[in-house]
Amino acid sequence: MTTEIWNTLLSIGGEGILIEVKGQDAEKQWKFRRVVTDLETGDRSFSNAETDALALIESYAWLSLYPMYIDEALVNQVKRKILTHSYRNDSAFSAWTEKCFPERDKNQVKLANWLLTSKSTIVLTGAGMSTESNLPDFRSKEGWWRSIDPITVAAPEALDNNYELFTDFYTARLEALEGTAPHEGHQVIADWEERGFVDAVATQNVDGLHTAAGSKNVYELHGSLKNIYCHNCGAKAAPSDFKAKRKCGVCGGKLRPGVILFGEMLPQEAWNTALSRIKSASLIIVIGTSLEVYPANQLPLLASGRTVYLNAEVSSSGQDFDLVLEGKAKTIITEVQRIMHEAEGLV
């Protein structure tokens, strides 16, 4: 009589029990059985053979327990379960992450989990989101503001007192934007929206790169650089008219880009809608902002859901967020995308 050999594929420790999933690869068709051991008495119970390994242990809330061993034969199935499970016990999530994603950044894995389990997610982006598309961050040490006083050029008064500098400055910004394309991080966020992981993007950027990448629900909190209009009558004009320093074709007034200048109010419709969605979202992801400018610096107070801060340089304000990831936006976003793909079995 031949004794059947069942190999241990998954071993999980709980309070007073050991849960094991054992497997047998018979003619390219895996069979699995559950073995539960009472650690106090040594009693063992066995299940019948099944073809779904993890279904055998669902009734034990095994993701809240602690992994001891995971065989390669089951690791991909376990990864998907981990990333799509809403955890109440952070230490259990950390333990499973260590076992299944030993080479991955643990905060990136956590963000992937939060994205996959969130009921509603809003992304808010700042200048750091655009720098990897070779657009300058105006508040960095190397940014535009280093050599130009923003009050001099980016204020309504410049239209009357220094229009030449005003048009030269914003013409340079428009021309810089003409040779710029969304980077992979923009495209990933658009993909997240298309697949239902992100509901909307609120951005402090005026470059239009989120829309160019394919994002549909974009709230431009500081306006749009490409939206040229007359400062006097509001008539729309082409960017080429502004760069050529032409006057408004309707009233002869001065043209300007549709960005919010210092001292001007935010566009109320975009701001009110974004604020409402931020307040009700279960997950807010703030990317590429110094947290020096409203509304990003108020988010921990406004949001009722989880908050994530992702930036190349993490300021002390980041401590108010539930999760902080330090690094370049494109790099981290694309890595989180790869982790999410693992959960979906796409790679």
Protein backbone atom coordinates (compact mmCIF):
# COMPACT_ATOMS: atom_id res chain seq x y z
CA MET A 1 0.00 0.00 0.00
CA THR A 2 1.44 3.38 -1.04
CA THR A 3 1.35 6.16 1.56
CA GLU A 4 0.18 9.49 0.22
CA ILE A 5 2.67 12.31 0.75
CA TRP A 6 1.20 15.69 1.63
CA ASN A 7 3.66 18.59 1.66
CA THR A 8 3.15 21.62 3.89
CA LEU A 9 2.46 24.66 1.71
CA LEU A 10 1.18 27.13 4.28
CA SER A 11 1.63 27.28 8.04
CA ILE A 12 -0.13 29.86 10.22
CA GLY A 13 0.12 30.40 13.96
CA GLY A 14 -2.85 31.52 16.02
CA GLU A 15 -3.71 31.65 19.70
CA GLY A 16 -3.36 28.05 20.82
CA ILE A 17 -3.59 26.58 17.31
CA LEU A 18 -1.49 25.79 14.27
CA ILE A 19 -3.24 25.91 10.90
CA GLU A 20 -1.61 24.17 7.96
CA VAL A 21 -2.52 23.76 4.32
CA LYS A 22 -0.94 20.67 2.84
CA GLY A 23 -0.80 19.92 -0.85
CA GLN A 24 -0.26 17.10 -3.27
CA ASP A 25 0.52 17.61 -6.95
CA ALA A 26 -1.14 14.62 -8.57
CA GLU A 27 -0.87 14.51 -12.36
CA LYS A 28 -0.66 18.33 -12.67
CA GLN A 29 -3.79 18.77 -10.55
CA TRP A 30 -3.14 20.06 -7.07
CA LYS A 31 -5.17 18.72 -4.16
CA PHE A 32 -5.18 20.41 -0.78
CA ARG A 33 -6.23 19.56 2.75
CA ARG A 34 -6.39 21.48 5.99
CA VAL A 35 -4.74 20.33 9.19
CA VAL A 36 -5.51 22.16 12.45
CA THR A 37 -3.49 21.32 15.56
CA ASP A 38 -4.54 22.27 19.08
CA LEU A 39 -1.22 23.28 20.62
CA GLU A 40 -2.39 22.58 24.17
CA THR A 41 -3.75 19.08 23.65
CA GLY A 42 -1.94 18.06 20.50
CA ASP A 43 -5.24 17.04 18.91
CA ARG A 44 -5.34 17.33 15.12
CA SER A 45 -8.27 17.64 12.74
CA PHE A 46 -8.12 16.98 9.00
CA SER A 47 -10.31 18.20 6.16
CA ASN A 48 -11.22 16.35 3.01
CA ALA A 49 -9.14 17.00 -0.10
CA GLU A 50 -10.15 20.11 -2.06
CA THR A 51 -8.88 21.97 -5.13
CA ASP A 52 -9.03 25.48 -3.58
CA ALA A 53 -6.30 25.81 -0.98
CA LEU A 54 -7.29 29.09 0.66
CA ALA A 55 -11.01 28.31 0.75
CA LEU A 56 -10.12 25.60 3.27
CA ILE A 57 -9.05 28.17 5.86
CA GLU A 58 -11.40 31.11 5.23
CA SER A 59 -13.48 30.36 8.33
CA TYR A 60 -10.40 30.85 10.53
CA ALA A 61 -9.85 34.56 9.66
CA TRP A 62 -6.32 33.52 8.83
CA LEU A 63 -5.20 36.94 7.55
CA SER A 64 -5.50 38.24 11.11
CA LEU A 65 -3.13 35.53 12.32
CA TYR A 66 0.62 35.21 11.76
CA PRO A 67 2.41 33.39 8.92
CA MET A 68 5.12 30.89 9.73
CA TYR A 69 5.78 29.39 6.30
CA ILE A 70 4.54 30.04 2.76
CA ASP A 71 5.54 27.75 -0.09
CA GLU A 72 6.20 29.15 -3.56
CA ALA A 73 3.25 27.11 -4.83
CA LEU A 74 0.85 29.33 -2.86
CA VAL A 75 2.68 32.64 -2.51
CA ASN A 76 0.95 34.40 -5.43
CA GLN A 77 -2.52 33.42 -4.19
CA VAL A 78 -1.62 34.62 -0.71
CA LYS A 79 -0.28 37.94 -2.09
CA ARG A 80 -3.61 38.65 -3.76
CA LYS A 81 -5.48 37.93 -0.55
CA ILE A 82 -3.17 40.13 1.52
CA LEU A 83 -3.43 43.13 -0.78
CA THR A 84 -7.21 43.00 -1.15
CA HIS A 85 -8.00 42.44 2.55
CA SER A 86 -8.96 45.32 4.87
CA TYR A 87 -6.76 44.99 7.92
CA ARG A 88 -7.61 46.07 11.44
CA ASN A 89 -4.43 44.59 12.89
CA ASP A 90 -1.41 46.44 11.52
CA SER A 91 1.07 43.99 13.05
CA ALA A 92 -0.57 41.07 11.23
CA PHE A 93 -0.37 42.98 7.93
CA SER A 94 3.31 43.71 8.57
CA ALA A 95 4.01 40.05 9.27
CA TRP A 96 2.33 38.89 6.05
CA THR A 97 4.11 41.63 4.09
CA GLU A 98 7.50 40.48 5.39
CA LYS A 99 6.79 36.93 4.26
CA CYS A 100 5.27 37.67 0.86
CA PHE A 101 7.04 40.87 -0.21
CA PRO A 102 10.54 40.61 1.31
CA GLU A 103 12.13 42.75 -1.42
CA ARG A 104 9.44 45.44 -1.52
CA ASP A 105 9.26 48.70 0.40
CA LYS A 106 6.73 47.99 3.15
CA ASN A 107 5.10 51.43 2.97
CA GLN A 108 4.60 50.98 -0.77
CA VAL A 109 2.91 47.64 -0.11
CA LYS A 110 0.69 49.32 2.47
CA LEU A 111 -0.30 52.05 0.00
CA ALA A 112 -1.15 49.38 -2.59
CA ASN A 113 -3.35 47.66 0.00
CA TRP A 114 -5.07 50.91 0.93
CA LEU A 115 -5.75 51.74 -2.73
CA LEU A 116 -7.17 48.30 -3.45
CA THR A 117 -9.48 48.37 -0.41
CA SER A 118 -10.49 52.06 -0.36
CA LYS A 119 -14.12 52.92 -1.09
CA SER A 120 -13.23 56.39 -2.40
CA THR A 121 -9.81 57.89 -3.11
CA ILE A 122 -8.78 61.45 -3.98
CA VAL A 123 -5.28 62.31 -5.18
CA LEU A 124 -3.93 65.83 -4.59
CA THR A 125 -0.77 66.82 -6.46
CA GLY A 126 1.70 69.68 -6.30
CA ALA A 127 4.75 70.87 -8.21
CA GLY A 128 6.82 67.79 -7.35
CA MET A 129 4.48 65.73 -9.53
CA SER A 130 5.54 67.72 -12.60
CA THR A 131 9.29 68.04 -12.05
CA GLU A 132 9.92 64.59 -13.56
CA SER A 133 8.33 65.90 -16.76
CA ASN A 134 11.17 68.46 -16.68
CA LEU A 135 9.01 71.31 -15.42
CA PRO A 136 10.65 73.41 -12.67
CA ASP A 137 9.30 73.43 -9.13
CA PHE A 138 8.87 77.12 -8.35
CA ARG A 139 9.46 76.66 -4.64
CA SER A 140 12.56 74.47 -4.84
CA LYS A 141 16.07 75.87 -4.43
CA GLU A 142 16.51 75.67 -8.21
CA GLY A 143 13.00 76.86 -9.06
CA TRP A 144 11.82 79.91 -10.99
CA TRP A 145 11.18 81.90 -7.80
CA ARG A 146 14.87 81.91 -6.88
CA SER A 147 15.67 84.76 -9.27
CA ILE A 148 12.27 86.43 -9.62
CA ASP A 149 10.21 87.93 -6.82
CA PRO A 150 6.78 86.26 -7.15
CA ILE A 151 5.02 89.34 -5.82
CA THR A 152 6.58 91.34 -8.67
CA VAL A 153 5.44 89.09 -11.50
CA ALA A 154 2.66 86.76 -10.32
CA ALA A 155 0.23 89.33 -8.98
CA PRO A 156 -2.66 91.26 -10.55
CA GLU A 157 -0.69 94.48 -10.04
CA ALA A 158 1.90 93.26 -12.55
CA LEU A 159 -0.71 93.55 -15.29
CA ASP A 160 -0.77 97.32 -14.70
CA ASN A 161 2.73 98.05 -13.44
CA ASN A 162 5.02 95.51 -15.11
CA TYR A 163 3.11 93.86 -17.95
CA GLU A 164 6.27 93.36 -20.02
CA LEU A 165 7.86 91.21 -17.30
CA PHE A 166 4.52 89.51 -16.65
CA THR A 167 4.14 88.40 -20.27
CA ASP A 168 7.81 87.42 -20.60
CA PHE A 169 7.60 85.27 -17.48
CA TYR A 170 4.42 83.44 -18.43
CA THR A 171 5.48 83.14 -22.07
CA ALA A 172 8.56 81.27 -20.85
CA ARG A 173 6.30 78.99 -18.81
CA LEU A 174 4.02 78.35 -21.77
CA GLU A 175 6.97 77.58 -24.03
CA ALA A 176 8.44 75.22 -21.44
CA LEU A 177 5.11 73.42 -21.33
CA GLU A 178 4.94 73.00 -25.12
CA GLY A 179 7.78 70.48 -25.08
CA THR A 180 6.49 68.63 -22.02
CA ALA A 181 4.56 65.37 -21.81
CA PRO A 182 3.00 63.51 -18.86
CA HIS A 183 5.37 61.02 -17.28
CA GLU A 184 4.55 57.46 -16.28
CA GLY A 185 3.31 58.54 -12.86
CA HIS A 186 0.63 60.74 -14.44
CA GLN A 187 -0.38 57.82 -16.64
CA VAL A 188 -0.59 55.44 -13.68
CA ILE A 189 -2.91 57.81 -11.81
CA ALA A 190 -5.11 58.05 -14.92
CA ASP A 191 -5.12 54.25 -15.09
CA TRP A 192 -6.13 54.03 -11.42
CA GLU A 193 -9.07 56.32 -12.16
CA GLU A 194 -10.14 54.28 -15.18
CA ARG A 195 -10.07 51.07 -13.12
CA GLY A 196 -11.97 52.57 -10.19
CA PHE A 197 -9.14 52.90 -7.65
CA VAL A 198 -9.09 56.72 -7.80
CA ASP A 199 -12.20 58.90 -7.98
CA ALA A 200 -10.65 62.27 -8.81
CA VAL A 201 -7.47 64.34 -8.91
CA ALA A 202 -7.22 67.77 -7.30
CA THR A 203 -4.07 69.55 -8.42
CA GLN A 204 -2.22 72.71 -7.48
CA ASN A 205 -0.40 72.47 -10.83
CA VAL A 206 -1.40 74.63 -13.79
CA ASP A 207 0.25 72.53 -16.52
CA GLY A 208 -2.68 70.30 -17.53
CA LEU A 209 -0.54 67.15 -17.45
CA HIS A 210 -3.10 65.06 -15.56
CA THR A 211 -5.71 65.73 -18.24
CA ALA A 212 -3.14 65.08 -20.97
CA ALA A 213 -2.38 61.71 -19.35
CA GLY A 214 -6.04 60.69 -19.51
CA SER A 215 -7.45 61.61 -16.08
CA LYS A 216 -11.11 62.61 -16.45
CA ASN A 217 -12.07 64.09 -13.08
CA VAL A 218 -9.44 66.79 -12.52
CA TYR A 219 -9.96 69.83 -10.29
CA GLU A 220 -7.40 72.53 -11.16
CA LEU A 221 -7.23 74.44 -7.88
CA HIS A 222 -4.81 77.08 -9.17
CA GLY A 223 -6.22 77.37 -12.68
CA SER A 224 -4.71 76.49 -16.06
CA LEU A 225 -1.73 78.06 -17.80
CA LYS A 226 -3.13 77.34 -21.27
CA ASN A 227 -6.45 79.07 -20.60
CA ILE A 228 -5.78 82.60 -21.93
CA TYR A 229 -8.38 85.31 -21.42
CA CYS A 230 -8.80 89.07 -21.14
CA HIS A 231 -8.19 90.47 -17.66
CA ASN A 232 -10.72 93.23 -18.38
CA CYS A 233 -13.73 91.56 -20.05
CA GLY A 234 -12.99 87.84 -19.67
CA ALA A 235 -13.07 87.05 -23.40
CA LYS A 236 -11.05 83.97 -24.33
CA ALA A 237 -7.95 84.19 -26.52
CA ALA A 238 -5.29 81.90 -27.97
CA PRO A 239 -1.94 81.32 -26.22
CA SER A 240 -0.26 82.63 -29.38
CA ASP A 241 -2.02 85.99 -28.90
CA PHE A 242 -0.69 86.28 -25.36
CA LYS A 243 2.86 85.34 -26.36
CA ALA A 244 2.74 87.93 -29.16
CA LYS A 245 1.59 90.52 -26.58
CA ARG A 246 -1.55 91.28 -28.54
CA LYS A 247 -4.47 93.04 -26.91
CA CYS A 248 -7.94 91.56 -26.42
CA GLY A 249 -9.80 91.38 -29.73
CA VAL A 250 -13.06 92.33 -27.99
CA CYS A 251 -12.23 95.25 -25.69
CA GLY A 252 -8.52 95.97 -26.17
CA GLY A 253 -7.68 94.84 -22.64
CA LYS A 254 -4.60 92.97 -21.48
CA LEU A 255 -4.45 89.19 -21.92
CA ARG A 256 -3.37 86.86 -19.15
CA PRO A 257 -3.13 83.13 -18.44
CA GLY A 258 -5.87 81.54 -16.36
CA VAL A 259 -3.67 80.89 -13.34
CA ILE A 260 -4.44 82.11 -9.84
CA LEU A 261 -2.19 85.07 -9.05
CA PHE A 262 -1.14 86.07 -5.55
CA GLY A 263 -4.08 87.65 -3.76
CA GLU A 264 -6.72 86.16 -6.06
CA MET A 265 -9.36 83.69 -4.91
CA LEU A 266 -9.20 80.04 -5.88
CA PRO A 267 -11.74 79.00 -8.55
CA GLN A 268 -14.73 78.41 -6.32
CA GLU A 269 -16.41 75.58 -8.21
CA ALA A 270 -13.22 73.51 -8.47
CA TRP A 271 -12.24 74.25 -4.88
CA ASN A 272 -15.66 73.57 -3.32
CA THR A 273 -16.10 70.31 -5.23
CA ALA A 274 -12.59 69.13 -4.38
CA LEU A 275 -13.00 70.08 -0.72
CA SER A 276 -16.29 68.20 -0.47
CA ARG A 277 -14.75 65.08 -2.00
CA ILE A 278 -11.65 65.32 0.19
CA LYS A 279 -13.78 65.52 3.33
CA SER A 280 -15.81 62.42 2.41
CA ALA A 281 -13.05 60.26 0.86
CA SER A 282 -11.78 57.21 2.67
CA LEU A 283 -8.26 57.75 1.31
CA ILE A 284 -6.37 60.96 0.43
CA ILE A 285 -2.99 60.73 -1.33
CA VAL A 286 -0.96 63.95 -1.36
CA ILE A 287 1.89 63.90 -3.90
CA GLY A 288 4.70 66.34 -4.60
CA THR A 289 3.79 69.32 -2.45
CA SER A 290 5.85 71.07 0.23
CA LEU A 291 2.77 71.41 2.47
CA GLU A 292 3.45 75.15 2.63
CA VAL A 293 0.44 76.13 0.51
CA TYR A 294 -3.24 75.86 1.31
CA PRO A 295 -5.11 73.49 0.93
CA ALA A 296 -2.50 70.73 1.12
CA ASN A 297 -1.24 71.87 4.51
CA GLN A 298 -4.79 71.65 5.89
CA LEU A 299 -5.53 68.15 4.66
CA PRO A 300 -4.86 66.27 7.91
CA LEU A 301 -7.48 68.50 9.53
CA LEU A 302 -9.99 68.35 6.66
CA ALA A 303 -9.86 64.65 5.84
CA SER A 304 -11.88 62.05 7.71
CA GLY A 305 -10.25 59.09 5.96
CA ARG A 306 -6.68 57.83 5.79
CA THR A 307 -4.05 60.30 4.61
CA VAL A 308 -0.86 59.56 2.67
CA TYR A 309 2.01 61.97 2.00
CA LEU A 310 4.42 61.25 -0.86
CA ASN A 311 7.21 63.72 -1.57
CA ALA A 312 10.91 63.92 -2.45
CA GLU A 313 11.55 65.92 0.72
CA VAL A 314 9.40 65.18 3.76
CA SER A 315 8.77 68.18 6.00
CA SER A 316 7.82 68.11 9.66
CA SER A 317 4.18 68.60 8.58
CA GLY A 318 4.26 65.07 7.19
CA GLN A 319 3.98 63.67 10.68
CA ASP A 320 0.27 64.51 10.64
CA PHE A 321 -0.33 61.93 7.90
CA ASP A 322 -1.13 58.26 8.46
CA LEU A 323 1.50 57.10 5.97
CA VAL A 324 4.59 58.90 4.62
CA LEU A 325 6.65 57.84 1.60
CA GLU A 326 9.82 59.76 0.80
CA GLY A 327 11.08 59.70 -2.79
CA LYS A 328 10.36 60.81 -6.34
CA ALA A 329 6.71 60.73 -7.35
CA LYS A 330 7.09 58.76 -10.57
CA THR A 331 9.31 56.12 -8.97
CA ILE A 332 7.02 55.43 -6.03
CA ILE A 333 3.77 55.57 -8.02
CA THR A 334 5.04 53.10 -10.62
CA GLU A 335 6.36 50.75 -7.92
CA VAL A 336 2.99 50.78 -6.17
CA GLN A 337 1.38 50.01 -9.54
CA ARG A 338 3.62 46.95 -9.94
CA ILE A 339 2.65 45.71 -6.49
CA MET A 340 -1.04 46.15 -7.34
CA HIS A 341 -0.50 44.22 -10.56
CA GLU A 342 0.88 41.34 -8.49
CA ALA A 343 -2.38 41.28 -6.55
CA GLU A 344 -4.35 41.14 -9.76
CA GLY A 345 -2.16 38.46 -11.29
CA LEU A 346 -1.18 40.72 -14.19
CA VAL A 347 2.59 40.20 -13.91
